[in-house]
Amino acid sequence: MKTRIIKIGNSQGIRIPKVLLEQSGLGEEVELEVHDARIVIRPADRPRQGWEEAFRSMAEEEDDQLLDEDLTGQSDWDKDEWQW
């Protein structure tokens, strides 16, 4: 499919037909890369995608406890010297 590069403010862009977006699975955020003089458009990485559901599932299964119960984050100095 041929298309034209259009001016968008101080930048330039292309219009991508809805059908191509649906077929490609692209969302609102994409990553652009240049490989061998070609512009590659791919879905943006979402490194934390699915974490919320995973944590919810862990809590429901009571699998969200600390692995090291002795780990309190306090040193001896915190216990003996710190005054509130």
PDB file of N, CA and C in Angstrom:
ATOM      1  N   MET A   1       0.852  -1.165   0.000  1.00  0.00           N
ATOM      2  CA  MET A   1       0.000   0.000   0.000  1.00  0.00           C
ATOM      3  C   MET A   1       0.899   1.230   0.000  1.00  0.00           C
ATOM      4  N   LYS A   2       0.613   2.166  -0.853  1.00  0.00           N
ATOM      5  CA  LYS A   2       1.350   3.423  -0.884  1.00  0.00           C
ATOM      6  C   LYS A   2       0.578   4.473  -0.115  1.00  0.00           C
ATOM      7  N   THR A   3       1.312   5.355   0.522  1.00  0.00           N
ATOM      8  CA  THR A   3       0.705   6.475   1.234  1.00  0.00           C
ATOM      9  C   THR A   3       1.660   7.650   1.132  1.00  0.00           C
ATOM     10  N   ARG A   4       1.243   8.790   1.615  1.00  0.00           N
ATOM     11  CA  ARG A   4       2.069   9.991   1.523  1.00  0.00           C
ATOM     12  C   ARG A   4       2.497  10.433   2.915  1.00  0.00           C
ATOM     13  N   ILE A   5       3.669  11.035   2.969  1.00  0.00           N
ATOM     14  CA  ILE A   5       4.135  11.652   4.202  1.00  0.00           C
ATOM     15  C   ILE A   5       3.493  13.031   4.272  1.00  0.00           C
ATOM     16  N   ILE A   6       2.879  13.334   5.432  1.00  0.00           N
ATOM     17  CA  ILE A   6       2.174  14.610   5.591  1.00  0.00           C
ATOM     18  C   ILE A   6       2.830  15.436   6.690  1.00  0.00           C
ATOM     19  N   LYS A   7       2.626  16.728   6.634  1.00  0.00           N
ATOM     20  CA  LYS A   7       3.156  17.634   7.644  1.00  0.00           C
ATOM     21  C   LYS A   7       2.211  17.636   8.841  1.00  0.00           C
ATOM     22  N   ILE A   8       2.789  17.480  10.038  1.00  0.00           N
ATOM     23  CA  ILE A   8       2.032  17.525  11.290  1.00  0.00           C
ATOM     24  C   ILE A   8       2.800  18.471  12.209  1.00  0.00           C
ATOM     25  N   GLY A   9       2.394  19.735  12.258  1.00  0.00           N
ATOM     26  CA  GLY A   9       3.131  20.730  13.035  1.00  0.00           C
ATOM     27  C   GLY A   9       4.515  20.894  12.457  1.00  0.00           C
ATOM     28  N   ASN A  10       5.544  20.802  13.301  1.00  0.00           N
ATOM     29  CA  ASN A  10       6.928  20.884  12.836  1.00  0.00           C
ATOM     30  C   ASN A  10       7.475  19.521  12.417  1.00  0.00           C
ATOM     31  N   SER A  11       6.672  18.480  12.574  1.00  0.00           N
ATOM     32  CA  SER A  11       7.104  17.119  12.240  1.00  0.00           C
ATOM     33  C   SER A  11       6.405  16.648  10.981  1.00  0.00           C
ATOM     34  N   GLN A  12       6.642  15.411  10.644  1.00  0.00           N
ATOM     35  CA  GLN A  12       5.950  14.782   9.532  1.00  0.00           C
ATOM     36  C   GLN A  12       5.440  13.428   9.994  1.00  0.00           C
ATOM     37  N   GLY A  13       4.440  12.922   9.308  1.00  0.00           N
ATOM     38  CA  GLY A  13       3.875  11.649   9.710  1.00  0.00           C
ATOM     39  C   GLY A  13       3.169  10.972   8.562  1.00  0.00           C
ATOM     40  N   ILE A  14       2.599   9.827   8.860  1.00  0.00           N
ATOM     41  CA  ILE A  14       1.792   9.105   7.881  1.00  0.00           C
ATOM     42  C   ILE A  14       0.482   8.716   8.540  1.00  0.00           C
ATOM     43  N   ARG A  15      -0.544   8.594   7.743  1.00  0.00           N
ATOM     44  CA  ARG A  15      -1.828   8.086   8.232  1.00  0.00           C
ATOM     45  C   ARG A  15      -1.838   6.584   7.985  1.00  0.00           C
ATOM     46  N   ILE A  16      -2.186   5.855   9.019  1.00  0.00           N
ATOM     47  CA  ILE A  16      -2.253   4.399   8.893  1.00  0.00           C
ATOM     48  C   ILE A  16      -3.726   4.012   8.898  1.00  0.00           C
ATOM     49  N   PRO A  17      -4.199   3.371   7.833  1.00  0.00           N
ATOM     50  CA  PRO A  17      -5.609   2.985   7.777  1.00  0.00           C
ATOM     51  C   PRO A  17      -5.997   2.079   8.943  1.00  0.00           C
ATOM     52  N   LYS A  18      -7.239   2.227   9.387  1.00  0.00           N
ATOM     53  CA  LYS A  18      -7.764   1.475  10.521  1.00  0.00           C
ATOM     54  C   LYS A  18      -7.605  -0.032  10.319  1.00  0.00           C
ATOM     55  N   VAL A  19      -7.845  -0.499   9.111  1.00  0.00           N
ATOM     56  CA  VAL A  19      -7.745  -1.933   8.821  1.00  0.00           C
ATOM     57  C   VAL A  19      -6.330  -2.441   9.105  1.00  0.00           C
ATOM     58  N   LEU A  20      -5.320  -1.673   8.707  1.00  0.00           N
ATOM     59  CA  LEU A  20      -3.940  -2.093   8.962  1.00  0.00           C
ATOM     60  C   LEU A  20      -3.634  -2.096  10.453  1.00  0.00           C
ATOM     61  N   LEU A  21      -4.145  -1.103  11.176  1.00  0.00           N
ATOM     62  CA  LEU A  21      -3.934  -1.065  12.623  1.00  0.00           C
ATOM     63  C   LEU A  21      -4.562  -2.281  13.293  1.00  0.00           C
ATOM     64  N   GLU A  22      -5.765  -2.624  12.879  1.00  0.00           N
ATOM     65  CA  GLU A  22      -6.443  -3.786  13.456  1.00  0.00           C
ATOM     66  C   GLU A  22      -5.692  -5.076  13.140  1.00  0.00           C
ATOM     67  N   GLN A  23      -5.228  -5.217  11.905  1.00  0.00           N
ATOM     68  CA  GLN A  23      -4.516  -6.429  11.503  1.00  0.00           C
ATOM     69  C   GLN A  23      -3.163  -6.555  12.196  1.00  0.00           C
ATOM     70  N   SER A  24      -2.532  -5.425  12.481  1.00  0.00           N
ATOM     71  CA  SER A  24      -1.191  -5.449  13.078  1.00  0.00           C
ATOM     72  C   SER A  24      -1.223  -5.564  14.595  1.00  0.00           C
ATOM     73  N   GLY A  25      -2.362  -5.229  15.204  1.00  0.00           N
ATOM     74  CA  GLY A  25      -2.456  -5.265  16.655  1.00  0.00           C
ATOM     75  C   GLY A  25      -1.797  -4.082  17.340  1.00  0.00           C
ATOM     76  N   LEU A  26      -1.490  -3.033  16.595  1.00  0.00           N
ATOM     77  CA  LEU A  26      -0.883  -1.845  17.191  1.00  0.00           C
ATOM     78  C   LEU A  26      -1.907  -1.091  18.014  1.00  0.00           C
ATOM     79  N   GLY A  27      -1.457  -0.550  19.150  1.00  0.00           N
ATOM     80  CA  GLY A  27      -2.320   0.265  19.997  1.00  0.00           C
ATOM     81  C   GLY A  27      -1.956   1.726  19.851  1.00  0.00           C
ATOM     82  N   GLU A  28      -2.202   2.498  20.905  1.00  0.00           N
ATOM     83  CA  GLU A  28      -1.918   3.929  20.852  1.00  0.00           C
ATOM     84  C   GLU A  28      -0.435   4.229  20.989  1.00  0.00           C
ATOM     85  N   GLU A  29       0.315   3.375  21.676  1.00  0.00           N
ATOM     86  CA  GLU A  29       1.748   3.600  21.848  1.00  0.00           C
ATOM     87  C   GLU A  29       2.524   2.601  21.001  1.00  0.00           C
ATOM     88  N   VAL A  30       3.501   3.118  20.267  1.00  0.00           N
ATOM     89  CA  VAL A  30       4.338   2.275  19.425  1.00  0.00           C
ATOM     90  C   VAL A  30       5.801   2.648  19.625  1.00  0.00           C
ATOM     91  N   GLU A  31       6.672   1.777  19.188  1.00  0.00           N
ATOM     92  CA  GLU A  31       8.106   2.038  19.182  1.00  0.00           C
ATOM     93  C   GLU A  31       8.539   2.122  17.724  1.00  0.00           C
ATOM     94  N   LEU A  32       9.368   3.109  17.431  1.00  0.00           N
ATOM     95  CA  LEU A  32       9.901   3.280  16.083  1.00  0.00           C
ATOM     96  C   LEU A  32      11.382   2.955  16.098  1.00  0.00           C
ATOM     97  N   GLU A  33      11.822   2.208  15.110  1.00  0.00           N
ATOM     98  CA  GLU A  33      13.234   1.863  14.969  1.00  0.00           C
ATOM     99  C   GLU A  33      13.598   1.936  13.500  1.00  0.00           C
ATOM    100  N   VAL A  34      14.856   2.175  13.226  1.00  0.00           N
ATOM    101  CA  VAL A  34      15.354   2.162  11.854  1.00  0.00           C
ATOM    102  C   VAL A  34      16.265   0.953  11.705  1.00  0.00           C
ATOM    103  N   HIS A  35      15.945   0.094  10.737  1.00  0.00           N
ATOM    104  CA  HIS A  35      16.748  -1.088  10.425  1.00  0.00           C
ATOM    105  C   HIS A  35      16.957  -1.138   8.917  1.00  0.00           C
ATOM    106  N   ASP A  36      18.197  -1.162   8.504  1.00  0.00           N
ATOM    107  CA  ASP A  36      18.520  -1.270   7.073  1.00  0.00           C
ATOM    108  C   ASP A  36      17.751  -0.248   6.240  1.00  0.00           C
ATOM    109  N   ALA A  37      17.783   1.001   6.664  1.00  0.00           N
ATOM    110  CA  ALA A  37      17.134   2.111   5.953  1.00  0.00           C
ATOM    111  C   ALA A  37      15.616   1.946   5.870  1.00  0.00           C
ATOM    112  N   ARG A  38      15.038   1.200   6.802  1.00  0.00           N
ATOM    113  CA  ARG A  38      13.580   1.033   6.871  1.00  0.00           C
ATOM    114  C   ARG A  38      13.108   1.453   8.252  1.00  0.00           C
ATOM    115  N   ILE A  39      11.960   2.082   8.303  1.00  0.00           N
ATOM    116  CA  ILE A  39      11.353   2.443   9.584  1.00  0.00           C
ATOM    117  C   ILE A  39      10.454   1.291  10.007  1.00  0.00           C
ATOM    118  N   VAL A  40      10.704   0.773  11.194  1.00  0.00           N
ATOM    119  CA  VAL A  40       9.930  -0.351  11.721  1.00  0.00           C
ATOM    120  C   VAL A  40       9.054   0.172  12.854  1.00  0.00           C
ATOM    121  N   ILE A  41       7.766  -0.104  12.770  1.00  0.00           N
ATOM    122  CA  ILE A  41       6.810   0.288  13.804  1.00  0.00           C
ATOM    123  C   ILE A  41       6.352  -0.987  14.496  1.00  0.00           C
ATOM    124  N   ARG A  42       6.471  -1.006  15.825  1.00  0.00           N
ATOM    125  CA  ARG A  42       6.017  -2.189  16.565  1.00  0.00           C
ATOM    126  C   ARG A  42       5.327  -1.742  17.844  1.00  0.00           C
ATOM    127  N   PRO A  43       4.516  -2.608  18.441  1.00  0.00           N
ATOM    128  CA  PRO A  43       3.841  -2.226  19.689  1.00  0.00           C
ATOM    129  C   PRO A  43       4.858  -1.859  20.758  1.00  0.00           C
ATOM    130  N   ALA A  44       4.527  -0.877  21.574  1.00  0.00           N
ATOM    131  CA  ALA A  44       5.411  -0.461  22.664  1.00  0.00           C
ATOM    132  C   ALA A  44       5.478  -1.565  23.707  1.00  0.00           C
ATOM    133  N   ASP A  45       6.671  -1.777  24.240  1.00  0.00           N
ATOM    134  CA  ASP A  45       6.841  -2.749  25.319  1.00  0.00           C
ATOM    135  C   ASP A  45       6.122  -2.253  26.562  1.00  0.00           C
ATOM    136  N   ARG A  46       5.476  -3.165  27.252  1.00  0.00           N
ATOM    137  CA  ARG A  46       4.807  -2.850  28.513  1.00  0.00           C
ATOM    138  C   ARG A  46       5.368  -3.800  29.555  1.00  0.00           C
ATOM    139  N   PRO A  47       6.514  -3.449  30.138  1.00  0.00           N
ATOM    140  CA  PRO A  47       7.210  -4.387  31.017  1.00  0.00           C
ATOM    141  C   PRO A  47       6.433  -4.817  32.251  1.00  0.00           C
ATOM    142  N   ARG A  48       5.484  -4.030  32.710  1.00  0.00           N
ATOM    143  CA  ARG A  48       4.740  -4.393  33.928  1.00  0.00           C
ATOM    144  C   ARG A  48       3.325  -4.887  33.618  1.00  0.00           C
ATOM    145  N   GLN A  49       3.076  -5.170  32.361  1.00  0.00           N
ATOM    146  CA  GLN A  49       1.757  -5.641  31.973  1.00  0.00           C
ATOM    147  C   GLN A  49       1.463  -6.965  32.670  1.00  0.00           C
ATOM    148  N   GLY A  50       0.310  -7.064  33.297  1.00  0.00           N
ATOM    149  CA  GLY A  50      -0.107  -8.282  33.975  1.00  0.00           C
ATOM    150  C   GLY A  50       0.296  -8.363  35.438  1.00  0.00           C
ATOM    151  N   TRP A  51       1.097  -7.411  35.917  1.00  0.00           N
ATOM    152  CA  TRP A  51       1.536  -7.462  37.310  1.00  0.00           C
ATOM    153  C   TRP A  51       0.369  -7.328  38.276  1.00  0.00           C
ATOM    154  N   GLU A  52      -0.569  -6.438  37.982  1.00  0.00           N
ATOM    155  CA  GLU A  52      -1.689  -6.210  38.904  1.00  0.00           C
ATOM    156  C   GLU A  52      -2.463  -7.503  39.137  1.00  0.00           C
ATOM    157  N   GLU A  53      -2.780  -8.197  38.068  1.00  0.00           N
ATOM    158  CA  GLU A  53      -3.524  -9.454  38.192  1.00  0.00           C
ATOM    159  C   GLU A  53      -2.690 -10.513  38.916  1.00  0.00           C
ATOM    160  N   ALA A  54      -1.388 -10.547  38.646  1.00  0.00           N
ATOM    161  CA  ALA A  54      -0.520 -11.521  39.318  1.00  0.00           C
ATOM    162  C   ALA A  54      -0.473 -11.261  40.822  1.00  0.00           C
ATOM    163  N   PHE A  55      -0.353  -9.994  41.222  1.00  0.00           N
ATOM    164  CA  PHE A  55      -0.318  -9.671  42.649  1.00  0.00           C
ATOM    165  C   PHE A  55      -1.663  -9.958  43.311  1.00  0.00           C
ATOM    166  N   ARG A  56      -2.751  -9.685  42.605  1.00  0.00           N
ATOM    167  CA  ARG A  56      -4.078  -9.973  43.154  1.00  0.00           C
ATOM    168  C   ARG A  56      -4.229 -11.479  43.382  1.00  0.00           C
ATOM    169  N   SER A  57      -3.794 -12.265  42.424  1.00  0.00           N
ATOM    170  CA  SER A  57      -3.875 -13.718  42.543  1.00  0.00           C
ATOM    171  C   SER A  57      -3.018 -14.220  43.705  1.00  0.00           C
ATOM    172  N   MET A  58      -1.819 -13.647  43.858  1.00  0.00           N
ATOM    173  CA  MET A  58      -0.948 -14.033  44.975  1.00  0.00           C
ATOM    174  C   MET A  58      -1.616 -13.725  46.311  1.00  0.00           C
ATOM    175  N   ALA A  59      -2.253 -12.567  46.424  1.00  0.00           N
ATOM    176  CA  ALA A  59      -2.912 -12.186  47.677  1.00  0.00           C
ATOM    177  C   ALA A  59      -4.075 -13.126  47.980  1.00  0.00           C
ATOM    178  N   GLU A  60      -4.848 -13.477  46.959  1.00  0.00           N
ATOM    179  CA  GLU A  60      -5.981 -14.383  47.161  1.00  0.00           C
ATOM    180  C   GLU A  60      -5.515 -15.761  47.631  1.00  0.00           C
ATOM    181  N   GLU A  61      -4.357 -16.194  47.167  1.00  0.00           N
ATOM    182  CA  GLU A  61      -3.821 -17.502  47.542  1.00  0.00           C
ATOM    183  C   GLU A  61      -2.903 -17.415  48.762  1.00  0.00           C
ATOM    184  N   GLU A  62      -2.871 -16.231  49.391  1.00  0.00           N
ATOM    185  CA  GLU A  62      -2.013 -15.972  50.553  1.00  0.00           C
ATOM    186  C   GLU A  62      -0.559 -16.335  50.265  1.00  0.00           C
ATOM    187  N   ASP A  63      -0.143 -16.020  49.057  1.00  0.00           N
ATOM    188  CA  ASP A  63       1.227 -16.281  48.623  1.00  0.00           C
ATOM    189  C   ASP A  63       2.014 -14.974  48.531  1.00  0.00           C
ATOM    190  N   ASP A  64       1.603 -13.977  49.330  1.00  0.00           N
ATOM    191  CA  ASP A  64       2.253 -12.665  49.267  1.00  0.00           C
ATOM    192  C   ASP A  64       2.982 -12.326  50.564  1.00  0.00           C
ATOM    193  N   GLN A  65       3.427 -13.347  51.285  1.00  0.00           N
ATOM    194  CA  GLN A  65       4.151 -13.143  52.533  1.00  0.00           C
ATOM    195  C   GLN A  65       5.637 -12.960  52.239  1.00  0.00           C
ATOM    196  N   LEU A  66       6.334 -12.282  53.171  1.00  0.00           N
ATOM    197  CA  LEU A  66       7.773 -12.128  53.029  1.00  0.00           C
ATOM    198  C   LEU A  66       8.444 -13.495  53.097  1.00  0.00           C
ATOM    199  N   LEU A  67       9.440 -13.693  52.261  1.00  0.00           N
ATOM    200  CA  LEU A  67      10.162 -14.960  52.283  1.00  0.00           C
ATOM    201  C   LEU A  67      11.094 -15.042  53.478  1.00  0.00           C
ATOM    202  N   ASP A  68      11.586 -13.899  53.939  1.00  0.00           N
ATOM    203  CA  ASP A  68      12.492 -13.847  55.085  1.00  0.00           C
ATOM    204  C   ASP A  68      11.788 -13.085  56.197  1.00  0.00           C
ATOM    205  N   GLU A  69      11.164 -13.801  57.107  1.00  0.00           N
ATOM    206  CA  GLU A  69      10.396 -13.159  58.178  1.00  0.00           C
ATOM    207  C   GLU A  69      11.269 -12.288  59.077  1.00  0.00           C
ATOM    208  N   ASP A  70      12.579 -12.598  59.164  1.00  0.00           N
ATOM    209  CA  ASP A  70      13.479 -11.810  60.002  1.00  0.00           C
ATOM    210  C   ASP A  70      13.825 -10.467  59.372  1.00  0.00           C
ATOM    211  N   LEU A  71      13.495 -10.285  58.134  1.00  0.00           N
ATOM    212  CA  LEU A  71      13.823  -9.052  57.433  1.00  0.00           C
ATOM    213  C   LEU A  71      12.834  -7.963  57.838  1.00  0.00           C
ATOM    214  N   THR A  72      13.261  -7.084  58.721  1.00  0.00           N
ATOM    215  CA  THR A  72      12.378  -6.015  59.194  1.00  0.00           C
ATOM    216  C   THR A  72      12.796  -4.665  58.655  1.00  0.00           C
ATOM    217  N   GLY A  73      13.984  -4.582  58.047  1.00  0.00           N
ATOM    218  CA  GLY A  73      14.455  -3.305  57.536  1.00  0.00           C
ATOM    219  C   GLY A  73      15.098  -2.451  58.608  1.00  0.00           C
ATOM    220  N   GLN A  74      15.196  -2.950  59.840  1.00  0.00           N
ATOM    221  CA  GLN A  74      15.797  -2.188  60.929  1.00  0.00           C
ATOM    222  C   GLN A  74      17.129  -2.804  61.322  1.00  0.00           C
ATOM    223  N   SER A  75      18.095  -1.934  61.540  1.00  0.00           N
ATOM    224  CA  SER A  75      19.396  -2.395  62.030  1.00  0.00           C
ATOM    225  C   SER A  75      19.390  -2.323  63.557  1.00  0.00           C
ATOM    226  N   ASP A  76      20.452  -2.823  64.168  1.00  0.00           N
ATOM    227  CA  ASP A  76      20.579  -2.711  65.627  1.00  0.00           C
ATOM    228  C   ASP A  76      20.595  -1.248  66.045  1.00  0.00           C
ATOM    229  N   TRP A  77      21.240  -0.417  65.233  1.00  0.00           N
ATOM    230  CA  TRP A  77      21.272   1.015  65.540  1.00  0.00           C
ATOM    231  C   TRP A  77      19.849   1.576  65.563  1.00  0.00           C
ATOM    232  N   ASP A  78      19.035   1.187  64.588  1.00  0.00           N
ATOM    233  CA  ASP A  78      17.648   1.656  64.555  1.00  0.00           C
ATOM    234  C   ASP A  78      16.906   1.261  65.825  1.00  0.00           C
ATOM    235  N   LYS A  79      17.113   0.045  66.283  1.00  0.00           N
ATOM    236  CA  LYS A  79      16.402  -0.446  67.461  1.00  0.00           C
ATOM    237  C   LYS A  79      16.890   0.209  68.749  1.00  0.00           C
ATOM    238  N   ASP A  80      18.223   0.354  68.881  1.00  0.00           N
ATOM    239  CA  ASP A  80      18.804   0.808  70.146  1.00  0.00           C
ATOM    240  C   ASP A  80      18.961   2.322  70.256  1.00  0.00           C
ATOM    241  N   GLU A  81      19.273   2.989  69.165  1.00  0.00           N
ATOM    242  CA  GLU A  81      19.658   4.393  69.233  1.00  0.00           C
ATOM    243  C   GLU A  81      18.565   5.369  68.793  1.00  0.00           C
ATOM    244  N   TRP A  82      17.708   4.952  67.927  1.00  0.00           N
ATOM    245  CA  TRP A  82      16.714   5.876  67.374  1.00  0.00           C
ATOM    246  C   TRP A  82      15.637   6.184  68.403  1.00  0.00           C
ATOM    247  N   GLN A  83      15.304   7.452  68.525  1.00  0.00           N
ATOM    248  CA  GLN A  83      14.239   7.856  69.446  1.00  0.00           C
ATOM    249  C   GLN A  83      13.131   8.530  68.654  1.00  0.00           C
ATOM    250  N   TRP A  84      11.911   8.186  68.968  1.00  0.00           N
ATOM    251  CA  TRP A  84      10.760   8.799  68.304  1.00  0.00           C
ATOM    252  C   TRP A  84      10.273   9.953  69.109  1.00  0.00           C
TER     253      TRP A  84
END
